[in-house]
Protein backbone atom coordinates (compact mmCIF):
# COMPACT_ATOMS: atom_id res chain seq x y z
CA MET A 1 0.04 -0.04 -0.02
CA ARG A 2 1.34 3.44 -1.04
CA ALA A 3 0.82 6.35 1.27
CA VAL A 4 1.60 9.96 0.38
CA VAL A 5 1.64 12.48 3.19
CA ILE A 6 1.48 16.20 2.20
CA GLY A 7 3.13 18.35 4.91
CA SER A 8 5.57 17.38 7.62
CA GLY A 9 3.85 19.03 10.55
CA ILE A 10 3.25 17.03 13.72
CA GLY A 11 0.02 15.47 12.33
CA GLY A 12 1.60 14.39 9.12
CA LEU A 13 4.78 12.93 10.78
CA LEU A 14 2.81 11.08 13.41
CA THR A 15 0.42 9.47 10.83
CA ALA A 16 3.39 8.72 8.54
CA SER A 17 5.25 7.01 11.38
CA PHE A 18 2.30 4.68 12.10
CA LEU A 19 1.77 3.93 8.45
CA ALA A 20 5.37 3.12 7.92
CA LYS A 21 5.57 0.84 10.97
CA ASN A 22 2.54 -0.96 9.64
CA GLY A 23 4.14 -1.81 6.30
CA TYR A 24 3.00 1.06 4.08
CA ASP A 25 5.31 2.46 1.41
CA VAL A 26 5.43 6.02 2.81
CA THR A 27 6.47 9.23 1.09
CA VAL A 28 6.20 12.60 2.95
CA ILE A 29 6.61 15.75 0.90
CA GLU A 30 7.18 19.16 2.48
CA LYS A 31 7.38 22.54 0.62
CA ALA A 32 9.63 24.08 3.23
CA PRO A 33 13.35 23.24 3.49
CA TYR A 34 12.79 21.85 6.95
CA ILE A 35 10.39 19.44 8.70
CA GLY A 36 8.14 20.00 11.67
CA GLY A 37 6.00 22.91 10.41
CA ARG A 38 5.25 25.22 13.44
CA PHE A 39 6.70 22.65 15.76
CA THR A 40 10.43 22.77 15.37
CA ASN A 41 13.33 24.94 16.62
CA LEU A 42 14.43 28.25 15.17
CA GLU A 43 18.00 29.19 15.92
CA TYR A 44 18.26 32.93 16.43
CA LYS A 45 21.07 34.98 18.05
CA GLY A 46 22.29 32.03 20.02
CA PHE A 47 18.83 31.08 21.30
CA GLY A 48 16.66 28.07 20.39
CA LEU A 49 13.35 29.76 19.66
CA SER A 50 10.60 27.89 17.73
CA THR A 51 8.77 28.25 14.46
CA GLY A 52 5.46 28.44 16.41
CA ALA A 53 4.91 26.29 19.53
CA PHE A 54 6.35 26.96 22.95
CA HIS A 55 8.65 23.79 23.43
CA MET A 56 5.80 22.53 25.66
CA LEU A 57 2.92 19.99 25.50
CA PRO A 58 -0.43 21.01 26.99
CA HIS A 59 -0.68 17.75 28.96
CA GLY A 60 3.01 16.82 29.27
CA GLU A 61 3.93 13.14 29.42
CA ASP A 62 0.37 12.00 30.21
CA GLY A 63 -1.54 13.44 27.24
CA PRO A 64 -2.54 12.09 23.82
CA LEU A 65 0.60 13.15 22.00
CA ALA A 66 2.90 11.60 24.56
CA HIS A 67 0.77 8.39 24.33
CA LEU A 68 1.25 8.14 20.55
CA LEU A 69 4.97 8.87 20.90
CA LYS A 70 5.22 5.99 23.48
CA LEU A 71 3.38 3.61 21.12
CA LEU A 72 5.91 4.42 18.36
CA GLY A 73 8.89 4.07 20.63
CA ALA A 74 9.96 7.62 19.84
CA GLU A 75 13.03 8.82 21.84
CA VAL A 76 11.53 11.95 23.32
CA LYS A 77 11.86 13.18 26.87
CA ILE A 78 8.93 15.15 28.31
CA VAL A 79 9.00 16.55 31.88
CA ASN A 80 5.72 17.50 33.58
CA SER A 81 5.41 20.98 34.95
CA ASP A 82 5.58 21.63 38.68
CA PRO A 83 3.46 23.46 39.65
CA LYS A 84 0.97 22.73 36.84
CA GLY A 85 0.51 26.46 36.46
CA MET A 86 1.15 29.85 37.98
CA ILE A 87 -0.79 33.13 37.94
CA PHE A 88 0.29 36.71 37.53
CA TYR A 89 -2.29 38.91 39.29
CA GLU A 90 -2.28 42.09 41.27
CA GLY A 91 1.39 42.56 40.57
CA ARG A 92 2.66 39.26 41.88
CA THR A 93 3.17 35.65 40.61
CA PHE A 94 1.89 32.66 42.62
CA SER A 95 0.83 28.97 42.30
CA TYR A 96 -2.55 28.34 40.72
CA ARG A 97 -3.57 26.69 44.05
CA GLU A 98 -3.55 30.16 45.69
CA GLY A 99 -6.21 31.35 43.17
CA TRP A 100 -8.93 29.66 45.30
CA LYS A 101 -8.71 32.56 47.81
CA TYR A 102 -10.19 34.93 45.24
CA LEU A 103 -13.45 32.92 45.30
CA GLY A 104 -16.13 33.30 47.94
CA PHE A 105 -17.41 30.33 49.94
CA ARG A 106 -20.44 29.75 47.59
CA GLU A 107 -18.33 30.33 44.47
CA LYS A 108 -15.82 27.71 45.66
CA ALA A 109 -18.60 25.15 46.26
CA ARG A 110 -20.14 25.87 42.84
CA ALA A 111 -16.69 25.59 41.16
CA MET A 112 -16.05 22.16 42.93
CA LYS A 113 -19.45 20.86 41.82
CA LEU A 114 -18.74 21.97 38.21
CA MET A 115 -15.46 20.16 38.20
CA ALA A 116 -17.06 17.03 39.64
CA ASP A 117 -19.77 17.15 36.98
CA VAL A 118 -17.17 17.60 34.14
CA ARG A 119 -14.98 14.83 35.56
CA ARG A 120 -17.81 12.28 35.48
CA GLY A 121 -18.81 13.39 31.96
CA LYS A 122 -21.79 15.62 32.72
CA LEU A 123 -21.10 18.15 29.99
CA PRO A 124 -23.16 20.92 28.35
CA VAL A 125 -25.56 19.70 25.63
CA GLY A 126 -27.92 21.40 23.14
CA GLU A 127 -28.11 25.16 23.34
CA GLU A 128 -26.02 25.21 26.53
CA ALA A 129 -23.12 23.63 24.69
CA GLU A 130 -23.21 26.42 22.06
CA MET A 131 -23.30 29.29 24.47
CA SER A 132 -20.22 31.33 25.35
CA GLY A 133 -17.84 29.24 27.46
CA ARG A 134 -16.96 32.20 29.71
CA GLU A 135 -20.66 33.08 30.15
CA TRP A 136 -21.28 29.38 31.08
CA ILE A 137 -18.63 29.68 33.74
CA ARG A 138 -20.20 32.80 35.10
CA GLU A 139 -23.60 31.09 35.27
CA ARG A 140 -22.14 27.98 36.91
CA VAL A 141 -19.70 29.61 39.29
CA GLY A 142 -20.59 33.23 39.64
CA ASP A 143 -19.74 36.65 38.26
CA ASN A 144 -16.21 36.68 39.71
CA GLU A 145 -13.66 38.90 37.98
CA PHE A 146 -10.73 36.74 38.91
CA VAL A 147 -12.31 33.56 37.51
CA ASP A 148 -13.30 35.29 34.21
CA LEU A 149 -9.77 36.81 33.80
CA PHE A 150 -8.24 33.39 34.46
CA PHE A 151 -10.35 31.69 31.73
CA GLN A 152 -9.64 34.51 29.33
CA SER A 153 -5.95 34.09 29.89
CA PHE A 154 -6.14 30.26 29.70
CA LEU A 155 -8.06 30.37 26.46
CA GLY A 156 -5.78 32.98 24.89
CA TRP A 157 -2.72 30.91 25.83
CA ALA A 158 -4.08 27.46 25.04
CA ASP A 159 -6.38 28.20 22.00
CA SER A 160 -5.33 31.62 20.79
CA VAL A 161 -8.92 32.85 21.12
CA LEU A 162 -10.56 34.59 24.12
CA ASP A 163 -13.70 32.50 24.20
CA VAL A 164 -15.01 29.09 22.93
CA PRO A 165 -18.40 27.43 23.07
CA ALA A 166 -19.30 25.92 26.54
CA GLY A 167 -19.12 22.43 25.12
CA GLU A 168 -15.53 22.89 24.06
CA LEU A 169 -14.45 24.63 27.27
CA ALA A 170 -16.04 21.87 29.39
CA ARG A 171 -13.99 19.20 27.42
CA GLU A 172 -10.78 21.16 27.83
CA ILE A 173 -11.44 21.26 31.57
CA LYS A 174 -12.15 17.57 31.49
CA ALA A 175 -8.85 16.99 29.68
CA ALA A 176 -6.97 18.93 32.31
CA LEU A 177 -8.57 16.98 35.12
CA ARG A 178 -7.90 13.65 33.32
CA TRP A 179 -4.39 14.23 31.96
CA GLY A 180 -3.01 17.01 34.16
CA GLY A 181 -1.07 20.14 33.27
CA PRO A 182 1.66 20.90 30.70
CA GLY A 183 5.26 19.68 30.42
CA LEU A 184 8.32 20.89 28.57
CA ILE A 185 10.14 18.82 25.88
CA LYS A 186 13.83 18.25 26.48
CA GLY A 187 15.71 19.90 23.65
CA GLY A 188 12.64 21.82 22.52
CA CYS A 189 10.08 21.25 19.73
CA LYS A 190 12.59 19.86 17.23
CA SER A 191 13.03 16.72 19.39
CA ILE A 192 9.66 15.39 18.21
CA PRO A 193 9.92 15.78 14.44
CA GLU A 194 13.48 14.51 14.62
CA ALA A 195 12.38 11.39 16.45
CA LEU A 196 9.46 10.78 14.10
CA SER A 197 11.51 11.33 10.98
CA MET A 198 13.95 8.70 12.31
CA ILE A 199 11.05 6.22 12.73
CA ILE A 200 9.78 6.92 9.24
CA ARG A 201 13.16 6.44 7.58
CA MET A 202 14.02 3.33 9.69
CA ASN A 203 10.86 1.77 8.25
CA ARG A 204 11.93 2.63 4.61
CA GLY A 205 9.78 5.75 4.36
CA ARG A 206 10.93 8.84 2.47
CA ILE A 207 10.79 12.45 3.48
CA ILE A 208 11.37 14.99 0.74
CA THR A 209 11.75 18.67 1.60
CA GLY A 210 11.49 21.57 -0.81
CA LYS A 211 8.75 19.77 -2.73
CA LYS A 212 5.30 21.43 -2.97
CA ALA A 213 2.10 19.71 -3.92
CA VAL A 214 0.06 21.73 -6.52
CA GLU A 215 -2.72 19.28 -7.42
CA ILE A 216 -4.40 16.10 -6.11
CA ASP A 217 -5.94 14.00 -8.87
CA VAL A 218 -8.48 11.84 -6.94
CA GLU A 219 -9.56 10.00 -10.05
CA LYS A 220 -6.07 8.71 -10.88
CA LYS A 221 -5.03 8.84 -7.23
CA ARG A 222 -1.91 10.81 -7.62
CA VAL A 223 -0.31 13.96 -6.20
CA ILE A 224 1.33 16.32 -8.75
CA THR A 225 4.13 18.51 -7.42
CA ALA A 226 5.46 21.92 -8.60
CA ASP A 227 8.40 20.25 -10.28
CA ASN A 228 5.99 17.99 -12.27
CA ASP A 229 6.56 14.87 -10.27
CA GLU A 230 3.56 12.51 -9.97
CA LEU A 231 3.29 10.54 -6.77
CA PRO A 232 0.66 7.68 -6.95
CA TYR A 233 -1.12 6.80 -3.74
CA ASP A 234 -3.52 4.33 -2.22
CA VAL A 235 -3.90 6.45 0.86
CA LEU A 236 -3.43 10.14 0.96
CA ILE A 237 -2.77 12.11 4.22
CA SER A 238 -3.06 15.89 4.05
CA ASN A 239 -1.44 18.04 6.80
CA VAL A 240 -1.93 21.28 4.91
CA GLY A 241 -5.41 22.18 6.07
CA ILE A 242 -9.02 21.50 4.95
CA LYS A 243 -9.46 24.54 2.81
CA GLU A 244 -6.00 24.00 1.23
CA THR A 245 -6.75 20.34 0.42
CA VAL A 246 -10.11 21.27 -1.14
CA GLU A 247 -8.30 23.71 -3.40
CA LEU A 248 -5.66 21.11 -4.38
CA ILE A 249 -8.44 18.65 -5.32
CA GLY A 250 -10.62 21.33 -6.95
CA ARG A 251 -13.76 22.89 -5.50
CA ASP A 252 -15.89 21.49 -8.37
CA ASN A 253 -15.43 17.99 -6.84
CA PHE A 254 -17.30 18.94 -3.58
CA GLU A 255 -21.06 19.58 -2.84
CA ARG A 256 -22.04 23.19 -2.32
CA GLU A 257 -23.17 22.61 1.30
CA TYR A 258 -19.78 21.08 2.20
CA LEU A 259 -17.98 24.01 0.67
CA LYS A 260 -20.12 26.44 2.73
CA ARG A 261 -19.13 24.67 5.91
CA VAL A 262 -15.46 24.70 4.86
CA ASP A 263 -15.55 28.37 4.03
CA SER A 264 -17.09 29.17 7.46
CA LEU A 265 -14.18 27.75 9.30
CA ARG A 266 -12.05 30.44 10.92
CA PRO A 267 -8.46 30.28 12.11
CA SER A 268 -6.93 31.32 15.37
CA GLU A 269 -4.34 34.06 15.24
CA GLY A 270 -1.80 35.49 17.69
CA ILE A 271 1.56 37.00 18.41
CA LYS A 272 4.49 35.29 20.12
CA TYR A 273 7.25 37.27 21.93
CA ASN A 274 10.69 35.73 22.65
CA VAL A 275 12.53 37.47 25.51
CA ALA A 276 16.05 36.94 26.81
CA LEU A 277 16.60 37.63 30.54
CA LYS A 278 20.01 37.61 32.26
CA GLY A 279 20.66 35.15 35.00
CA GLU A 280 19.08 31.97 36.30
CA PRO A 281 15.67 30.62 35.45
CA ARG A 282 12.76 32.69 36.84
CA VAL A 283 9.65 30.47 37.03
CA GLY A 284 10.91 27.07 36.01
CA ASN A 285 9.04 24.36 34.22
CA THR A 286 5.48 25.78 34.31
CA VAL A 287 3.19 28.21 32.52
CA VAL A 288 2.24 31.56 33.99
CA PHE A 289 -1.25 32.82 33.18
CA THR A 290 -1.22 36.61 33.07
CA LEU A 291 -4.38 38.24 34.39
CA ASP A 292 -2.89 41.74 34.97
CA THR A 293 -2.31 42.41 31.31
CA GLU A 294 -4.23 43.89 28.37
CA ARG A 295 -2.95 41.46 25.69
CA ILE A 296 -0.40 38.92 26.91
CA ASN A 297 -2.27 35.75 27.94
CA GLY A 298 0.65 33.73 29.42
CA TYR A 299 4.26 32.76 29.23
CA ASN A 300 6.73 29.91 29.91
CA GLU A 301 10.46 29.35 30.28
CA PRO A 302 11.65 26.48 28.11
CA SER A 303 15.32 27.00 28.96
CA SER A 304 14.56 25.98 32.60
CA LEU A 305 14.56 22.36 31.35
CA SER A 306 16.80 22.82 28.34
CA PRO A 307 19.57 25.38 29.11
CA GLU A 308 20.93 24.91 25.64
CA LEU A 309 17.92 26.85 24.27
CA ALA A 310 19.34 30.06 25.78
CA ARG A 311 22.72 31.82 25.29
CA GLU A 312 25.12 31.37 28.25
CA GLY A 313 24.17 33.60 31.19
CA TYR A 314 20.57 34.00 29.96
CA THR A 315 17.18 32.33 30.26
CA LEU A 316 14.56 32.20 27.53
CA ILE A 317 11.00 33.39 28.04
CA MET A 318 8.21 32.96 25.47
CA LEU A 319 5.06 34.98 25.79
CA HIS A 320 1.85 34.88 23.67
CA HIS A 321 -1.31 36.75 23.02
CA ALA A 322 -4.41 35.97 20.95
CA LEU A 323 -5.02 38.75 18.43
CA GLN A 324 -7.95 41.02 19.32
CA SER A 325 -7.84 43.07 16.19
CA ARG A 326 -6.32 43.05 12.66
CA ASN A 327 -4.23 46.12 13.51
CA VAL A 328 -1.08 44.17 14.16
CA LYS A 329 1.09 47.19 14.87
CA ALA A 330 -1.27 48.30 17.64
CA GLU A 331 -1.56 44.74 18.93
CA ARG A 332 2.25 44.43 19.16
CA LYS A 333 2.59 47.75 20.95
CA LYS A 334 0.09 46.67 23.58
CA GLY A 335 1.81 43.29 23.93
CA ILE A 336 5.17 44.92 24.50
CA GLU A 337 3.67 47.27 27.08
CA ASP A 338 2.47 44.13 28.85
CA ILE A 339 5.91 42.62 28.78
CA TYR A 340 7.27 45.61 30.64
CA ARG A 341 4.36 45.27 33.10
CA ILE A 342 5.52 41.71 33.82
CA PHE A 343 9.26 42.43 33.67
CA PRO A 344 9.58 46.09 34.59
CA ASN A 345 13.41 46.01 34.53
CA LEU A 346 13.65 44.45 31.12
CA ASP A 347 15.90 47.13 29.71
CA ASN A 348 18.50 46.36 32.33
CA GLU A 349 17.91 42.62 32.51
CA GLY A 350 17.60 41.51 28.92
CA GLU A 351 15.84 42.23 25.60
CA ILE A 352 13.03 41.27 23.33
CA LEU A 353 14.76 38.96 20.85
CA LEU A 354 11.98 38.38 18.25
CA VAL A 355 8.25 39.00 17.72
CA GLN A 356 6.49 36.46 15.54
CA THR A 357 2.95 37.07 14.22
CA TYR A 358 0.71 34.22 13.11
CA LEU A 359 -2.23 35.13 10.86
CA ASP A 360 -3.48 34.92 7.29
CA GLY A 361 -1.76 32.04 5.48
CA ASN A 362 0.29 31.04 8.56
CA PRO A 363 -2.12 31.28 11.55
CA VAL A 364 -1.69 29.73 14.94
CA ASN A 365 -4.21 27.04 13.90
CA ARG A 366 -5.96 26.71 10.57
CA VAL A 367 -9.21 25.96 12.41
CA ALA A 368 -9.72 27.52 15.80
CA SER A 369 -10.83 25.33 18.70
CA GLY A 370 -14.61 24.95 19.26
CA GLN A 371 -15.59 24.54 15.57
CA THR A 372 -17.10 21.34 14.32
CA VAL A 373 -14.65 19.53 12.01
CA GLU A 374 -16.12 16.54 10.11
CA ASP A 375 -14.40 13.70 8.34
CA PHE A 376 -13.23 14.49 4.90
CA PRO A 377 -15.87 13.46 2.31
CA MET A 378 -13.46 11.87 -0.11
CA SER A 379 -12.44 8.18 -0.14
CA ASP A 380 -8.85 7.37 0.74
CA VAL A 381 -8.08 11.01 1.65
CA TYR A 382 -7.59 12.00 5.22
CA ILE A 383 -6.97 15.37 6.97
CA VAL A 384 -4.64 15.62 9.96
CA GLY A 385 -2.98 18.49 11.78
CA ASP A 386 -4.29 21.76 13.18
CA ALA A 387 -7.30 21.72 10.86
CA TYR A 388 -8.49 18.37 12.37
CA LYS A 389 -8.40 18.64 16.17
CA LEU A 390 -11.02 16.66 18.06
CA PRO A 391 -13.22 18.36 20.74
CA GLY A 392 -11.31 19.24 23.95
CA GLY A 393 -7.92 18.75 22.37
CA ILE A 394 -5.64 21.78 23.08
CA GLU A 395 -3.14 22.58 20.29
CA VAL A 396 -0.92 19.50 19.50
CA GLU A 397 -2.99 17.39 21.86
CA GLY A 398 -5.96 18.01 19.61
CA ILE A 399 -3.82 17.13 16.60
CA ALA A 400 -2.91 13.87 18.31
CA LEU A 401 -6.56 13.12 18.96
CA GLY A 402 -7.33 13.75 15.28
CA VAL A 403 -4.45 11.37 14.30
CA MET A 404 -6.00 8.74 16.61
CA ARG A 405 -9.29 9.14 14.77
CA THR A 406 -7.58 8.82 11.40
CA LEU A 407 -5.64 5.70 12.45
CA GLU A 408 -8.93 4.16 13.54
CA ARG A 409 -10.43 4.85 10.15
CA LEU A 410 -7.40 3.15 8.61
CA GLY A 411 -7.87 0.09 10.83
CA LEU A 412 -4.63 0.84 12.76
CA GLY A 413 -5.85 0.90 16.33
CA ASN A 414 -8.59 1.71 18.79
CA PHE A 415 -8.34 4.92 20.81
CA SER A 416 -11.85 5.43 21.97
CA ASP A 417 -10.75 5.70 25.65
CA TRP A 418 -8.93 8.93 24.66
CA TYR A 419 -11.84 10.85 23.25
CA LEU A 420 -13.48 13.59 25.34
């Protein structure tokens, strides 16, 4: 069986690895000169930044992505965060556990009941599932400013949006209760695509960079590249997005109603700030949710686990904010003001290394969390990656859940216990 994988992002490499280990003749093509997509390292001024992600997995060594890596035998070290999270509020930074003191007695009781309901699978349904997630929290817990700011920060950091439907938020809470908090990857993002590429090649698969797909001929089952190569397939895996895959096949091959649903899908967009600070690690292996800020939603410190990601004598901080407008210049200005709010002595202690903006053709995610993504309506063609994240799956964990569903459709496993 011949499998062609378009795109070498995490979804494409994960699926290709399982296909190769199960005897498929696998060819991965990637238009960029490197593999990993937005999940690999970017060397800059002596620092190991990233092309997109934060050198961190939302659920560390206990989440869906780590599970798939273990099944593959990938040599990747993931270290869970301790504490699971911290909060920057009222000018100070503290463990998430201290956050309970900002809730009244009745609010605490209602929050505990909500978590108990979510843990046992009592999730919003019908109209309640479609309402604003943050409004749902207010109805269930109370109109508490600290709680609302926390969920705004959490969603901005985790999903690059400031709100999601209640059904999605409930599943993300369920995921956190089931699989725990985040964890850093030793060596940064690149450790995962490097490990997966090794598995693919060890199982006689090919990975070809600098090769762009320009057409998918579903009748003759072949992928045509920009340099006029024709790659025949029995199974096609697309890691380049739903809209992009539709365009490669040709919109005339799809029903009008399906195209309307595809065209309605919206991406998530954001800005990432890479900051160098002199001295030892500041917060360690954790994520800090920033409630005292106008734009920044959170930050982490990947060099606390992997000192090689920072220049000697420095530590690396990565901050992120979900875009609130299309005025990128104004958004960046507010984001930088927030950085100085968090690190008031930045001019003496370090510098902003690089600001990366993710929107238009290179968004944070091609399909923002909380939108319904259905199976691709074309035989032998499967979508993976950030356009096919299952409900409740945050970032790469959602990608991993989508890969699980794809593997099931291919008859390569049963992952029903992982779905939220």
